[in-house]
């Protein structure tokens, strides 16, 4: 258990915009998946290997697993983002730097939500395209690109956290 001060932090304008975009994306995700469902064949891709190639097929109703999982993760991350005092930080949190650190952490969580939603939406889109014979896989670049972006997001947040230390 940490001893971080518990304070009420007003999110920045950028964090609020990210949150609105994330809500829009989750709703759009469900709408697009629901609209695509009736056009899908009975079997669709359900699993991809590390190279982005289809490894398994299943019933078309499995297309709803992606938005369902994304929604659950979205809710968890959104709730957690509003409690930045529970996070672990790379710096010691004091009453002087708590607000800046918490705002940084809240932004990070909204960026994580955004990136996660974009990944799920992309996989859903490609699954629909593959099922309709308009594509053949996620692409060999998919997994490495995700890793690079995750490293960038984390590195940026750590650098911002170090700058906000008092």
N, C-alpha and C. Protein backbone atom coordinates (compact mmCIF):
# COMPACT_ATOMS: atom_id res chain seq x y z
N UNK A 1 0.85 -1.19 0.00
CA UNK A 1 0.00 0.00 0.00
C UNK A 1 0.88 1.23 0.00
N UNK A 2 0.53 2.21 -0.84
CA UNK A 2 1.33 3.43 -0.89
C UNK A 2 0.76 4.49 0.06
N UNK A 3 1.53 5.51 0.26
CA UNK A 3 1.12 6.61 1.14
C UNK A 3 0.89 7.89 0.35
N UNK A 4 0.49 7.76 -0.90
CA UNK A 4 0.26 8.93 -1.73
C UNK A 4 -0.90 9.75 -1.18
N UNK A 5 -0.75 11.09 -1.19
CA UNK A 5 -1.85 11.93 -0.70
C UNK A 5 -3.10 11.75 -1.57
N UNK A 6 -4.25 11.74 -0.93
CA UNK A 6 -5.52 11.62 -1.64
C UNK A 6 -6.08 13.03 -1.78
N UNK A 7 -6.06 13.51 -3.03
CA UNK A 7 -6.59 14.84 -3.30
C UNK A 7 -7.51 14.78 -4.51
N UNK A 8 -8.42 15.71 -4.59
CA UNK A 8 -9.31 15.82 -5.75
C UNK A 8 -8.56 16.58 -6.84
N UNK A 9 -8.45 15.95 -8.01
CA UNK A 9 -7.71 16.56 -9.11
C UNK A 9 -8.65 16.78 -10.28
N UNK A 10 -8.65 18.00 -10.77
CA UNK A 10 -9.45 18.33 -11.95
C UNK A 10 -8.63 17.95 -13.18
N UNK A 11 -9.18 17.11 -14.06
CA UNK A 11 -8.42 16.71 -15.25
C UNK A 11 -8.14 17.90 -16.17
N UNK A 12 -7.08 17.81 -16.90
CA UNK A 12 -6.74 18.87 -17.86
C UNK A 12 -7.73 18.83 -19.03
N UNK A 13 -7.74 19.90 -19.79
CA UNK A 13 -8.61 19.98 -20.97
C UNK A 13 -8.27 18.85 -21.95
N UNK A 14 -6.99 18.58 -22.14
CA UNK A 14 -6.57 17.51 -23.05
C UNK A 14 -7.08 16.15 -22.57
N UNK A 15 -7.00 15.89 -21.27
CA UNK A 15 -7.49 14.63 -20.71
C UNK A 15 -8.99 14.50 -20.91
N UNK A 16 -9.72 15.60 -20.73
CA UNK A 16 -11.17 15.58 -20.96
C UNK A 16 -11.49 15.26 -22.41
N UNK A 17 -10.73 15.87 -23.33
CA UNK A 17 -10.94 15.61 -24.76
C UNK A 17 -10.66 14.14 -25.08
N UNK A 18 -9.56 13.62 -24.53
CA UNK A 18 -9.25 12.19 -24.73
C UNK A 18 -10.39 11.31 -24.22
N UNK A 19 -10.94 11.64 -23.08
CA UNK A 19 -12.03 10.85 -22.51
C UNK A 19 -13.26 10.88 -23.42
N UNK A 20 -13.59 12.04 -23.96
CA UNK A 20 -14.73 12.16 -24.87
C UNK A 20 -14.48 11.35 -26.14
N UNK A 21 -13.28 11.45 -26.69
CA UNK A 21 -12.92 10.67 -27.88
C UNK A 21 -13.05 9.18 -27.58
N UNK A 22 -12.60 8.76 -26.41
CA UNK A 22 -12.69 7.34 -26.05
C UNK A 22 -14.13 6.87 -25.95
N UNK A 23 -15.00 7.68 -25.36
CA UNK A 23 -16.42 7.31 -25.30
C UNK A 23 -17.01 7.21 -26.70
N UNK A 24 -16.66 8.17 -27.55
CA UNK A 24 -17.13 8.13 -28.94
C UNK A 24 -16.66 6.86 -29.64
N UNK A 25 -15.39 6.50 -29.44
CA UNK A 25 -14.84 5.31 -30.08
C UNK A 25 -15.53 4.03 -29.62
N UNK A 26 -15.82 3.91 -28.33
CA UNK A 26 -16.44 2.68 -27.83
C UNK A 26 -17.85 2.53 -28.40
N UNK A 27 -18.59 3.63 -28.50
CA UNK A 27 -19.93 3.58 -29.08
C UNK A 27 -19.84 3.26 -30.57
N UNK A 28 -18.93 3.92 -31.27
CA UNK A 28 -18.75 3.67 -32.70
C UNK A 28 -18.34 2.23 -32.95
N UNK A 29 -17.49 1.69 -32.10
CA UNK A 29 -17.04 0.30 -32.20
C UNK A 29 -18.25 -0.65 -32.19
N UNK A 30 -19.14 -0.46 -31.24
CA UNK A 30 -20.34 -1.31 -31.14
C UNK A 30 -21.24 -1.14 -32.36
N UNK A 31 -21.41 0.09 -32.81
CA UNK A 31 -22.29 0.35 -33.96
C UNK A 31 -21.74 -0.32 -35.22
N UNK A 32 -20.46 -0.12 -35.48
CA UNK A 32 -19.84 -0.70 -36.68
C UNK A 32 -19.90 -2.23 -36.65
N UNK A 33 -19.59 -2.80 -35.50
CA UNK A 33 -19.62 -4.27 -35.38
C UNK A 33 -21.04 -4.79 -35.58
N UNK A 34 -22.01 -4.12 -35.00
CA UNK A 34 -23.40 -4.55 -35.14
C UNK A 34 -23.88 -4.44 -36.59
N UNK A 35 -23.50 -3.37 -37.26
CA UNK A 35 -23.90 -3.20 -38.66
C UNK A 35 -23.22 -4.22 -39.58
N UNK A 36 -21.98 -4.55 -39.28
CA UNK A 36 -21.24 -5.51 -40.10
C UNK A 36 -21.72 -6.94 -39.91
N UNK A 37 -22.25 -7.24 -38.73
CA UNK A 37 -22.62 -8.61 -38.38
C UNK A 37 -23.49 -9.28 -39.44
N UNK A 38 -24.52 -8.60 -39.92
CA UNK A 38 -25.45 -9.23 -40.87
C UNK A 38 -24.82 -9.53 -42.23
N UNK A 39 -23.68 -8.91 -42.51
CA UNK A 39 -23.01 -9.13 -43.80
C UNK A 39 -21.91 -10.19 -43.72
N UNK A 40 -21.64 -10.67 -42.54
CA UNK A 40 -20.54 -11.63 -42.36
C UNK A 40 -20.97 -13.05 -42.74
N UNK A 41 -20.01 -13.83 -43.24
CA UNK A 41 -20.31 -15.25 -43.47
C UNK A 41 -20.43 -15.98 -42.13
N UNK A 42 -20.84 -17.22 -42.17
CA UNK A 42 -21.05 -17.99 -40.93
C UNK A 42 -19.76 -18.20 -40.14
N UNK A 43 -18.62 -18.29 -40.84
CA UNK A 43 -17.33 -18.45 -40.17
C UNK A 43 -16.46 -17.23 -40.42
N UNK A 44 -15.83 -16.77 -39.33
CA UNK A 44 -14.94 -15.61 -39.42
C UNK A 44 -13.64 -15.92 -38.67
N UNK A 45 -12.58 -15.17 -38.95
CA UNK A 45 -11.33 -15.37 -38.19
C UNK A 45 -11.54 -15.10 -36.71
N UNK A 46 -10.96 -15.94 -35.87
CA UNK A 46 -11.08 -15.76 -34.43
C UNK A 46 -9.73 -15.68 -33.72
N UNK A 47 -8.67 -15.99 -34.43
CA UNK A 47 -7.35 -15.98 -33.79
C UNK A 47 -6.29 -15.67 -34.84
N UNK A 48 -5.28 -14.88 -34.42
CA UNK A 48 -4.17 -14.52 -35.30
C UNK A 48 -2.86 -14.90 -34.63
N UNK A 49 -1.88 -15.31 -35.43
CA UNK A 49 -0.57 -15.63 -34.86
C UNK A 49 0.29 -14.36 -34.80
N UNK A 50 1.52 -14.50 -34.36
CA UNK A 50 2.42 -13.37 -34.19
C UNK A 50 2.76 -12.64 -35.48
N UNK A 51 2.56 -13.28 -36.61
CA UNK A 51 2.81 -12.64 -37.90
C UNK A 51 1.56 -11.97 -38.46
N UNK A 52 0.46 -12.03 -37.70
CA UNK A 52 -0.78 -11.41 -38.14
C UNK A 52 -1.60 -12.27 -39.09
N UNK A 53 -1.24 -13.55 -39.19
CA UNK A 53 -1.96 -14.47 -40.07
C UNK A 53 -3.08 -15.15 -39.29
N UNK A 54 -4.18 -15.45 -39.99
CA UNK A 54 -5.31 -16.12 -39.36
C UNK A 54 -4.90 -17.55 -39.00
N UNK A 55 -5.14 -17.92 -37.74
CA UNK A 55 -4.82 -19.27 -37.25
C UNK A 55 -6.05 -20.10 -36.95
N UNK A 56 -7.20 -19.45 -36.77
CA UNK A 56 -8.42 -20.19 -36.43
C UNK A 56 -9.65 -19.42 -36.89
N UNK A 57 -10.70 -20.18 -37.13
CA UNK A 57 -11.98 -19.61 -37.52
C UNK A 57 -13.05 -20.07 -36.54
N UNK A 58 -14.11 -19.29 -36.43
CA UNK A 58 -15.22 -19.66 -35.56
C UNK A 58 -16.50 -19.01 -36.02
N UNK A 59 -17.54 -19.19 -35.23
CA UNK A 59 -18.85 -18.65 -35.55
C UNK A 59 -18.82 -17.12 -35.64
N UNK A 60 -19.64 -16.59 -36.53
CA UNK A 60 -19.62 -15.14 -36.74
C UNK A 60 -20.05 -14.35 -35.50
N UNK A 61 -20.75 -14.98 -34.59
CA UNK A 61 -21.16 -14.26 -33.37
C UNK A 61 -19.96 -13.88 -32.51
N UNK A 62 -18.82 -14.53 -32.75
CA UNK A 62 -17.62 -14.20 -31.98
C UNK A 62 -17.11 -12.79 -32.30
N UNK A 63 -17.62 -12.18 -33.35
CA UNK A 63 -17.22 -10.81 -33.68
C UNK A 63 -17.55 -9.85 -32.54
N UNK A 64 -18.53 -10.22 -31.71
CA UNK A 64 -18.92 -9.35 -30.59
C UNK A 64 -18.00 -9.49 -29.38
N UNK A 65 -17.10 -10.48 -29.38
CA UNK A 65 -16.15 -10.62 -28.27
C UNK A 65 -15.20 -9.42 -28.21
N UNK A 66 -14.77 -8.93 -29.37
CA UNK A 66 -13.83 -7.81 -29.39
C UNK A 66 -14.42 -6.55 -28.75
N UNK A 67 -15.60 -6.10 -29.17
CA UNK A 67 -16.14 -4.91 -28.48
C UNK A 67 -16.51 -5.18 -27.02
N UNK A 68 -16.88 -6.42 -26.70
CA UNK A 68 -17.21 -6.74 -25.31
C UNK A 68 -15.96 -6.64 -24.43
N UNK A 69 -14.87 -7.26 -24.86
CA UNK A 69 -13.62 -7.20 -24.10
C UNK A 69 -13.12 -5.76 -24.02
N UNK A 70 -13.19 -5.04 -25.14
CA UNK A 70 -12.75 -3.64 -25.16
C UNK A 70 -13.59 -2.79 -24.20
N UNK A 71 -14.88 -3.06 -24.13
CA UNK A 71 -15.75 -2.29 -23.23
C UNK A 71 -15.40 -2.57 -21.78
N UNK A 72 -15.18 -3.82 -21.44
CA UNK A 72 -14.82 -4.16 -20.06
C UNK A 72 -13.50 -3.48 -19.69
N UNK A 73 -12.51 -3.58 -20.54
CA UNK A 73 -11.22 -2.93 -20.28
C UNK A 73 -11.37 -1.41 -20.22
N UNK A 74 -12.17 -0.86 -21.11
CA UNK A 74 -12.43 0.58 -21.13
C UNK A 74 -13.01 1.05 -19.81
N UNK A 75 -13.99 0.33 -19.30
CA UNK A 75 -14.62 0.70 -18.03
C UNK A 75 -13.61 0.61 -16.88
N UNK A 76 -12.85 -0.47 -16.84
CA UNK A 76 -11.85 -0.64 -15.77
C UNK A 76 -10.82 0.48 -15.80
N UNK A 77 -10.28 0.77 -16.98
CA UNK A 77 -9.26 1.83 -17.09
C UNK A 77 -9.87 3.19 -16.77
N UNK A 78 -11.09 3.44 -17.22
CA UNK A 78 -11.75 4.73 -16.96
C UNK A 78 -11.97 4.95 -15.46
N UNK A 79 -12.42 3.91 -14.77
CA UNK A 79 -12.64 4.02 -13.33
C UNK A 79 -11.31 4.21 -12.61
N UNK A 80 -10.31 3.43 -13.00
CA UNK A 80 -9.00 3.52 -12.38
C UNK A 80 -8.36 4.89 -12.61
N UNK A 81 -8.57 5.47 -13.79
CA UNK A 81 -7.98 6.77 -14.12
C UNK A 81 -8.45 7.86 -13.16
N UNK A 82 -9.60 7.68 -12.58
CA UNK A 82 -10.15 8.69 -11.67
C UNK A 82 -9.64 8.53 -10.24
N UNK A 83 -8.74 7.56 -10.02
CA UNK A 83 -8.15 7.32 -8.69
C UNK A 83 -6.63 7.28 -8.80
N UNK A 84 -6.01 8.37 -9.22
CA UNK A 84 -4.57 8.35 -9.46
C UNK A 84 -3.72 8.14 -8.20
N UNK A 85 -4.28 8.35 -7.04
CA UNK A 85 -3.53 8.16 -5.80
C UNK A 85 -3.18 6.69 -5.55
N UNK A 86 -3.85 5.77 -6.23
CA UNK A 86 -3.57 4.34 -6.03
C UNK A 86 -2.44 3.82 -6.92
N UNK A 87 -1.98 4.63 -7.85
CA UNK A 87 -0.95 4.20 -8.79
C UNK A 87 0.43 4.16 -8.14
N UNK A 88 1.32 3.43 -8.77
CA UNK A 88 2.73 3.48 -8.42
C UNK A 88 3.39 4.50 -9.35
N UNK A 89 4.32 5.26 -8.82
CA UNK A 89 4.98 6.31 -9.57
C UNK A 89 6.48 6.11 -9.57
N UNK A 90 7.14 6.71 -10.55
CA UNK A 90 8.60 6.63 -10.63
C UNK A 90 9.26 7.67 -9.74
N UNK A 91 8.47 8.55 -9.16
CA UNK A 91 8.96 9.58 -8.25
C UNK A 91 8.16 9.49 -6.95
N UNK A 92 8.72 10.09 -5.90
CA UNK A 92 8.01 10.14 -4.63
C UNK A 92 6.90 11.20 -4.76
N UNK A 93 5.69 10.83 -4.37
CA UNK A 93 4.57 11.76 -4.44
C UNK A 93 4.47 12.51 -3.11
N UNK A 94 4.51 13.82 -3.23
CA UNK A 94 4.39 14.69 -2.06
C UNK A 94 3.16 15.57 -2.25
N UNK A 95 2.81 16.30 -1.22
CA UNK A 95 1.66 17.20 -1.35
C UNK A 95 1.95 18.31 -2.37
N UNK A 96 3.23 18.62 -2.58
CA UNK A 96 3.60 19.66 -3.54
C UNK A 96 3.51 19.19 -4.99
N UNK A 97 3.85 17.94 -5.26
CA UNK A 97 3.86 17.48 -6.65
C UNK A 97 2.68 16.56 -6.99
N UNK A 98 1.83 16.29 -6.03
CA UNK A 98 0.74 15.32 -6.24
C UNK A 98 -0.17 15.72 -7.39
N UNK A 99 -0.60 16.95 -7.41
CA UNK A 99 -1.56 17.35 -8.45
C UNK A 99 -0.97 17.18 -9.84
N UNK A 100 0.25 17.63 -10.06
CA UNK A 100 0.90 17.51 -11.37
C UNK A 100 1.10 16.04 -11.74
N UNK A 101 1.54 15.24 -10.78
CA UNK A 101 1.76 13.81 -11.04
C UNK A 101 0.43 13.11 -11.35
N UNK A 102 -0.59 13.44 -10.62
CA UNK A 102 -1.89 12.80 -10.82
C UNK A 102 -2.50 13.18 -12.17
N UNK A 103 -2.34 14.43 -12.56
CA UNK A 103 -2.83 14.86 -13.88
C UNK A 103 -2.09 14.11 -14.98
N UNK A 104 -0.79 13.95 -14.80
CA UNK A 104 0.02 13.20 -15.77
C UNK A 104 -0.46 11.75 -15.85
N UNK A 105 -0.71 11.15 -14.70
CA UNK A 105 -1.17 9.75 -14.66
C UNK A 105 -2.55 9.60 -15.27
N UNK A 106 -3.42 10.57 -15.03
CA UNK A 106 -4.77 10.52 -15.61
C UNK A 106 -4.70 10.60 -17.13
N UNK A 107 -3.81 11.47 -17.63
CA UNK A 107 -3.62 11.56 -19.08
C UNK A 107 -3.09 10.25 -19.65
N UNK A 108 -2.14 9.65 -18.93
CA UNK A 108 -1.60 8.37 -19.37
C UNK A 108 -2.71 7.32 -19.49
N UNK A 109 -3.57 7.25 -18.50
CA UNK A 109 -4.64 6.25 -18.53
C UNK A 109 -5.60 6.49 -19.70
N UNK A 110 -5.88 7.74 -20.00
CA UNK A 110 -6.75 8.02 -21.14
C UNK A 110 -6.04 7.68 -22.46
N UNK A 111 -4.73 7.91 -22.52
CA UNK A 111 -3.96 7.51 -23.71
C UNK A 111 -3.93 5.99 -23.85
N UNK A 112 -3.79 5.29 -22.74
CA UNK A 112 -3.82 3.82 -22.77
C UNK A 112 -5.19 3.36 -23.28
N UNK A 113 -6.25 3.97 -22.78
CA UNK A 113 -7.60 3.63 -23.24
C UNK A 113 -7.74 3.88 -24.74
N UNK A 114 -7.26 5.02 -25.19
CA UNK A 114 -7.34 5.35 -26.62
C UNK A 114 -6.59 4.33 -27.46
N UNK A 115 -5.37 4.04 -27.08
CA UNK A 115 -4.56 3.09 -27.85
C UNK A 115 -5.19 1.70 -27.84
N UNK A 116 -5.68 1.27 -26.68
CA UNK A 116 -6.32 -0.03 -26.58
C UNK A 116 -7.55 -0.11 -27.49
N UNK A 117 -8.35 0.94 -27.47
CA UNK A 117 -9.55 0.96 -28.32
C UNK A 117 -9.17 0.93 -29.79
N UNK A 118 -8.15 1.68 -30.17
CA UNK A 118 -7.71 1.69 -31.57
C UNK A 118 -7.22 0.31 -32.00
N UNK A 119 -6.53 -0.39 -31.12
CA UNK A 119 -6.07 -1.75 -31.44
C UNK A 119 -7.26 -2.67 -31.66
N UNK A 120 -8.19 -2.66 -30.73
CA UNK A 120 -9.37 -3.53 -30.85
C UNK A 120 -10.19 -3.19 -32.09
N UNK A 121 -10.37 -1.91 -32.37
CA UNK A 121 -11.13 -1.50 -33.55
C UNK A 121 -10.42 -1.96 -34.81
N UNK A 122 -9.11 -1.82 -34.85
CA UNK A 122 -8.35 -2.27 -36.02
C UNK A 122 -8.49 -3.78 -36.22
N UNK A 123 -8.35 -4.55 -35.15
CA UNK A 123 -8.49 -6.01 -35.26
C UNK A 123 -9.90 -6.36 -35.73
N UNK A 124 -10.90 -5.69 -35.20
CA UNK A 124 -12.28 -5.92 -35.61
C UNK A 124 -12.46 -5.60 -37.09
N UNK A 125 -11.95 -4.46 -37.50
CA UNK A 125 -12.04 -4.05 -38.91
C UNK A 125 -11.37 -5.07 -39.82
N UNK A 126 -10.16 -5.47 -39.47
CA UNK A 126 -9.44 -6.45 -40.30
C UNK A 126 -10.15 -7.80 -40.30
N UNK A 127 -10.72 -8.20 -39.16
CA UNK A 127 -11.47 -9.46 -39.10
C UNK A 127 -12.65 -9.41 -40.05
N UNK A 128 -13.35 -8.30 -40.07
CA UNK A 128 -14.48 -8.14 -40.99
C UNK A 128 -13.99 -8.17 -42.43
N UNK A 129 -12.90 -7.46 -42.72
CA UNK A 129 -12.36 -7.45 -44.07
C UNK A 129 -11.91 -8.83 -44.53
N UNK A 130 -11.27 -9.57 -43.66
CA UNK A 130 -10.82 -10.93 -43.99
C UNK A 130 -12.02 -11.84 -44.22
N UNK A 131 -13.02 -11.74 -43.37
CA UNK A 131 -14.22 -12.56 -43.50
C UNK A 131 -14.92 -12.29 -44.83
N UNK A 132 -14.83 -11.06 -45.31
CA UNK A 132 -15.46 -10.68 -46.57
C UNK A 132 -14.50 -10.82 -47.76
N UNK A 133 -13.36 -11.48 -47.54
CA UNK A 133 -12.34 -11.72 -48.56
C UNK A 133 -11.78 -10.43 -49.16
N UNK A 134 -11.65 -9.40 -48.35
CA UNK A 134 -11.09 -8.13 -48.80
C UNK A 134 -9.70 -7.89 -48.23
N UNK A 135 -9.22 -8.79 -47.38
CA UNK A 135 -7.89 -8.70 -46.80
C UNK A 135 -7.46 -10.12 -46.43
N UNK A 136 -6.18 -10.30 -46.11
CA UNK A 136 -5.70 -11.65 -45.79
C UNK A 136 -5.04 -11.79 -44.42
N UNK A 137 -4.90 -10.72 -43.66
CA UNK A 137 -4.30 -10.82 -42.32
C UNK A 137 -4.13 -9.44 -41.71
N UNK A 138 -3.61 -9.43 -40.50
CA UNK A 138 -3.37 -8.16 -39.81
C UNK A 138 -2.13 -7.45 -40.35
N UNK A 139 -1.22 -8.21 -40.90
CA UNK A 139 0.03 -7.66 -41.40
C UNK A 139 1.17 -7.99 -40.45
N UNK A 140 2.34 -8.22 -41.00
CA UNK A 140 3.51 -8.61 -40.20
C UNK A 140 3.97 -7.46 -39.31
N UNK A 141 3.64 -6.24 -39.65
CA UNK A 141 4.05 -5.05 -38.91
C UNK A 141 3.17 -4.79 -37.68
N UNK A 142 2.02 -5.45 -37.57
CA UNK A 142 1.04 -5.15 -36.53
C UNK A 142 1.62 -5.27 -35.13
N UNK A 143 2.18 -6.41 -34.78
CA UNK A 143 2.70 -6.63 -33.43
C UNK A 143 3.90 -5.74 -33.11
N UNK A 144 4.90 -5.63 -34.00
CA UNK A 144 6.02 -4.72 -33.69
C UNK A 144 5.58 -3.27 -33.53
N UNK A 145 4.63 -2.83 -34.34
CA UNK A 145 4.15 -1.46 -34.23
C UNK A 145 3.48 -1.21 -32.89
N UNK A 146 2.70 -2.17 -32.42
CA UNK A 146 2.06 -2.04 -31.11
C UNK A 146 3.13 -1.90 -30.02
N UNK A 147 4.15 -2.73 -30.09
CA UNK A 147 5.24 -2.66 -29.10
C UNK A 147 5.93 -1.32 -29.10
N UNK A 148 6.21 -0.78 -30.28
CA UNK A 148 6.88 0.52 -30.40
C UNK A 148 6.01 1.63 -29.81
N UNK A 149 4.73 1.62 -30.14
CA UNK A 149 3.84 2.66 -29.63
C UNK A 149 3.71 2.58 -28.11
N UNK A 150 3.60 1.37 -27.57
CA UNK A 150 3.51 1.20 -26.11
C UNK A 150 4.76 1.75 -25.43
N UNK A 151 5.94 1.41 -25.97
CA UNK A 151 7.19 1.92 -25.41
C UNK A 151 7.21 3.45 -25.46
N UNK A 152 6.76 4.02 -26.57
CA UNK A 152 6.72 5.47 -26.71
C UNK A 152 5.80 6.10 -25.67
N UNK A 153 4.60 5.55 -25.50
CA UNK A 153 3.64 6.10 -24.54
C UNK A 153 4.21 6.05 -23.13
N UNK A 154 4.79 4.92 -22.76
CA UNK A 154 5.36 4.78 -21.41
C UNK A 154 6.55 5.72 -21.23
N UNK A 155 7.45 5.77 -22.20
CA UNK A 155 8.63 6.63 -22.10
C UNK A 155 8.22 8.09 -21.99
N UNK A 156 7.27 8.51 -22.79
CA UNK A 156 6.79 9.89 -22.73
C UNK A 156 6.24 10.21 -21.35
N UNK A 157 5.45 9.29 -20.81
CA UNK A 157 4.85 9.51 -19.48
C UNK A 157 5.93 9.57 -18.39
N UNK A 158 6.92 8.72 -18.46
CA UNK A 158 7.99 8.73 -17.45
C UNK A 158 8.77 10.04 -17.54
N UNK A 159 9.06 10.49 -18.75
CA UNK A 159 9.78 11.76 -18.92
C UNK A 159 8.96 12.92 -18.35
N UNK A 160 7.64 12.93 -18.66
CA UNK A 160 6.77 13.98 -18.13
C UNK A 160 6.70 13.91 -16.60
N UNK A 161 6.68 12.71 -16.07
CA UNK A 161 6.63 12.53 -14.62
C UNK A 161 7.89 13.09 -13.97
N UNK A 162 9.04 12.82 -14.56
CA UNK A 162 10.31 13.32 -14.02
C UNK A 162 10.37 14.85 -14.06
N UNK A 163 9.79 15.44 -15.11
CA UNK A 163 9.79 16.91 -15.25
C UNK A 163 8.92 17.56 -14.19
N UNK A 164 7.89 16.86 -13.74
CA UNK A 164 6.92 17.43 -12.80
C UNK A 164 7.30 17.19 -11.35
N UNK A 165 8.48 16.66 -11.10
CA UNK A 165 8.93 16.41 -9.74
C UNK A 165 9.39 17.72 -9.11
N UNK A 166 8.92 17.95 -7.91
CA UNK A 166 9.33 19.18 -7.19
C UNK A 166 10.25 18.79 -6.06
